[in-house]
Structure formats: C-alpha cells, structure tokens
Amino acid sequence: MDRAYSRARILLALGVILIFIMMDHLSSPTFAFNSGNGNVSTALMQRQNSSCAPCGAPCPSARD
C-alpha cells in the first residue's frame, strides 16, 4: 500500500494536471487577445462604441 503514494507517482500526477491546465490556458481567447492577436472575441470588444466611460457605461446625456 505504500507504493500507491510514492513520491514519483504524486509528482507525475501533479505534472499531468499542470500540463492540462497550461493547455487550457494557452488555448483560451483571453490569452490570445493579451498576446496581441486581436481577431478574438472577448468581453473587451463587446463594449458600446457610443460609450463615454472606459468601462462601456453610457454617457449621462444618453440615459434619458
């Protein structure tokens, strides 16, 4: 039973988990956008063009 929790097996399992996490991270649209690839649809691109604030909030005059 001691062989089931050997140091090598634990490190191998953690390494496999790390590989899956990095594969998911590197293929995400946010990572591509932050790397300079602007052809990705992210929440930053969905802001209104007529907004005044950087967060995409409408102008006070347009709230009426």
N, C-alpha and C. Protein backbone atom coordinates (compact mmCIF):
# COMPACT_ATOMS: atom_id res chain seq x y z
N MET A 1 0.82 -1.19 0.00
CA MET A 1 0.00 0.00 0.00
C MET A 1 0.86 1.26 0.00
N ASP A 2 2.08 1.17 0.45
CA ASP A 2 2.96 2.33 0.44
C ASP A 2 3.34 2.73 -0.97
N ARG A 3 3.29 1.79 -1.90
CA ARG A 3 3.68 2.10 -3.27
C ARG A 3 2.64 2.98 -3.98
N ALA A 4 1.40 2.96 -3.51
CA ALA A 4 0.34 3.74 -4.15
C ALA A 4 0.58 5.24 -3.98
N TYR A 5 1.26 5.63 -2.90
CA TYR A 5 1.51 7.04 -2.64
C TYR A 5 2.99 7.37 -2.68
N SER A 6 3.68 6.84 -3.62
CA SER A 6 5.11 7.14 -3.72
C SER A 6 5.31 8.55 -4.25
N ARG A 7 6.44 9.10 -3.96
CA ARG A 7 6.74 10.47 -4.36
C ARG A 7 6.73 10.62 -5.88
N ALA A 8 7.22 9.64 -6.59
CA ALA A 8 7.26 9.71 -8.05
C ALA A 8 5.86 9.74 -8.64
N ARG A 9 4.95 8.94 -8.11
CA ARG A 9 3.58 8.92 -8.64
C ARG A 9 2.85 10.23 -8.35
N ILE A 10 3.07 10.79 -7.19
CA ILE A 10 2.43 12.07 -6.86
C ILE A 10 2.96 13.17 -7.77
N LEU A 11 4.26 13.22 -7.98
CA LEU A 11 4.83 14.24 -8.87
C LEU A 11 4.38 14.03 -10.31
N LEU A 12 4.24 12.80 -10.74
CA LEU A 12 3.76 12.53 -12.09
C LEU A 12 2.32 12.99 -12.25
N ALA A 13 1.48 12.71 -11.26
CA ALA A 13 0.08 13.15 -11.32
C ALA A 13 -0.01 14.67 -11.33
N LEU A 14 0.77 15.33 -10.51
CA LEU A 14 0.77 16.80 -10.50
C LEU A 14 1.28 17.37 -11.82
N GLY A 15 2.27 16.73 -12.41
CA GLY A 15 2.79 17.17 -13.70
C GLY A 15 1.75 17.05 -14.80
N VAL A 16 0.99 15.95 -14.80
CA VAL A 16 -0.06 15.76 -15.81
C VAL A 16 -1.15 16.81 -15.63
N ILE A 17 -1.53 17.10 -14.39
CA ILE A 17 -2.53 18.12 -14.13
C ILE A 17 -2.04 19.49 -14.59
N LEU A 18 -0.77 19.80 -14.33
CA LEU A 18 -0.20 21.07 -14.77
C LEU A 18 -0.21 21.18 -16.30
N ILE A 19 0.08 20.10 -16.98
CA ILE A 19 0.06 20.12 -18.45
C ILE A 19 -1.34 20.43 -18.97
N PHE A 20 -2.36 19.80 -18.38
CA PHE A 20 -3.74 20.08 -18.81
C PHE A 20 -4.14 21.52 -18.53
N ILE A 21 -3.74 22.05 -17.39
CA ILE A 21 -4.05 23.44 -17.06
C ILE A 21 -3.37 24.39 -18.05
N MET A 22 -2.13 24.15 -18.37
CA MET A 22 -1.41 25.02 -19.31
C MET A 22 -1.98 24.92 -20.71
N MET A 23 -2.39 23.72 -21.13
CA MET A 23 -3.02 23.58 -22.45
C MET A 23 -4.30 24.39 -22.53
N ASP A 24 -5.11 24.35 -21.47
CA ASP A 24 -6.34 25.12 -21.44
C ASP A 24 -6.06 26.61 -21.42
N HIS A 25 -5.07 27.02 -20.65
CA HIS A 25 -4.73 28.44 -20.54
C HIS A 25 -4.21 28.99 -21.86
N LEU A 26 -3.33 28.26 -22.51
CA LEU A 26 -2.73 28.75 -23.74
C LEU A 26 -3.70 28.76 -24.91
N SER A 27 -4.76 27.98 -24.84
CA SER A 27 -5.73 27.97 -25.93
C SER A 27 -6.92 28.89 -25.67
N SER A 28 -6.91 29.63 -24.57
CA SER A 28 -8.05 30.49 -24.24
C SER A 28 -8.03 31.77 -25.09
N PRO A 29 -9.21 32.32 -25.40
CA PRO A 29 -9.28 33.56 -26.18
C PRO A 29 -8.66 34.74 -25.44
N THR A 30 -8.76 34.78 -24.13
CA THR A 30 -8.19 35.89 -23.37
C THR A 30 -6.68 35.90 -23.49
N PHE A 31 -6.05 34.74 -23.44
CA PHE A 31 -4.60 34.66 -23.59
C PHE A 31 -4.19 35.10 -24.99
N ALA A 32 -4.94 34.70 -26.01
CA ALA A 32 -4.63 35.11 -27.38
C ALA A 32 -4.78 36.62 -27.54
N PHE A 33 -5.82 37.19 -26.93
CA PHE A 33 -6.02 38.64 -27.02
C PHE A 33 -4.89 39.38 -26.33
N ASN A 34 -4.49 38.91 -25.14
CA ASN A 34 -3.42 39.57 -24.40
C ASN A 34 -2.07 39.39 -25.08
N SER A 35 -1.94 38.40 -25.92
CA SER A 35 -0.68 38.17 -26.64
C SER A 35 -0.60 39.00 -27.91
N GLY A 36 -1.65 39.75 -28.23
CA GLY A 36 -1.60 40.62 -29.39
C GLY A 36 -2.43 40.15 -30.56
N ASN A 37 -3.09 39.02 -30.45
CA ASN A 37 -3.94 38.55 -31.52
C ASN A 37 -5.31 39.19 -31.34
N GLY A 38 -5.60 40.21 -32.11
CA GLY A 38 -6.83 40.96 -31.94
C GLY A 38 -8.04 40.38 -32.63
N ASN A 39 -7.92 39.23 -33.28
CA ASN A 39 -9.05 38.63 -34.00
C ASN A 39 -9.84 37.68 -33.11
N VAL A 40 -9.90 37.96 -31.84
CA VAL A 40 -10.58 37.09 -30.90
C VAL A 40 -11.71 37.87 -30.27
N SER A 41 -12.84 37.24 -30.10
CA SER A 41 -13.96 37.95 -29.47
C SER A 41 -13.86 37.81 -27.96
N THR A 42 -13.67 38.91 -27.28
CA THR A 42 -13.60 38.93 -25.82
C THR A 42 -14.61 39.94 -25.30
N ALA A 43 -14.76 39.99 -24.00
CA ALA A 43 -15.69 40.94 -23.39
C ALA A 43 -15.25 42.38 -23.64
N LEU A 44 -13.96 42.61 -23.81
CA LEU A 44 -13.48 43.97 -24.05
C LEU A 44 -13.96 44.50 -25.40
N MET A 45 -14.18 43.62 -26.36
CA MET A 45 -14.60 44.06 -27.69
C MET A 45 -16.10 44.27 -27.77
N GLN A 46 -16.85 43.88 -26.76
CA GLN A 46 -18.30 43.97 -26.81
C GLN A 46 -18.82 45.26 -26.20
N ARG A 47 -17.95 46.19 -25.89
CA ARG A 47 -18.38 47.47 -25.35
C ARG A 47 -19.10 48.28 -26.42
N GLN A 48 -19.93 49.19 -26.00
CA GLN A 48 -20.64 50.05 -26.93
C GLN A 48 -19.69 51.11 -27.48
N ASN A 49 -19.81 51.39 -28.76
CA ASN A 49 -18.96 52.41 -29.37
C ASN A 49 -19.35 53.81 -28.94
N SER A 50 -20.60 53.99 -28.52
CA SER A 50 -21.05 55.33 -28.14
C SER A 50 -20.83 55.62 -26.66
N SER A 51 -20.10 54.80 -25.97
CA SER A 51 -19.92 54.99 -24.53
C SER A 51 -18.88 56.06 -24.25
N CYS A 52 -19.03 56.70 -23.11
CA CYS A 52 -18.09 57.73 -22.69
C CYS A 52 -17.02 57.17 -21.75
N ALA A 53 -17.44 56.28 -20.88
CA ALA A 53 -16.53 55.74 -19.87
C ALA A 53 -15.75 54.56 -20.43
N PRO A 54 -14.54 54.32 -19.94
CA PRO A 54 -13.75 53.19 -20.42
C PRO A 54 -14.41 51.83 -20.14
N CYS A 55 -15.30 51.78 -19.14
CA CYS A 55 -15.94 50.51 -18.82
C CYS A 55 -17.10 50.20 -19.74
N GLY A 56 -17.51 51.14 -20.60
CA GLY A 56 -18.61 50.91 -21.52
C GLY A 56 -19.93 51.49 -21.06
N ALA A 57 -19.91 52.25 -19.96
CA ALA A 57 -21.15 52.87 -19.46
C ALA A 57 -21.59 53.96 -20.42
N PRO A 58 -22.89 54.14 -20.58
CA PRO A 58 -23.38 55.19 -21.50
C PRO A 58 -23.13 56.58 -20.94
N CYS A 59 -23.14 57.56 -21.82
CA CYS A 59 -22.97 58.95 -21.42
C CYS A 59 -24.18 59.40 -20.61
N PRO A 60 -23.99 60.33 -19.68
CA PRO A 60 -25.15 60.81 -18.90
C PRO A 60 -26.25 61.38 -19.77
N SER A 61 -25.92 62.01 -20.89
CA SER A 61 -26.95 62.57 -21.76
C SER A 61 -27.72 61.50 -22.50
N ALA A 62 -27.17 60.31 -22.64
CA ALA A 62 -27.85 59.24 -23.37
C ALA A 62 -28.73 58.37 -22.47
N ARG A 63 -28.75 58.64 -21.17
CA ARG A 63 -29.54 57.83 -20.24
C ARG A 63 -31.01 58.20 -20.24
N ASP A 64 -31.39 59.31 -20.79
CA ASP A 64 -32.79 59.77 -20.76
C ASP A 64 -33.68 58.90 -21.59
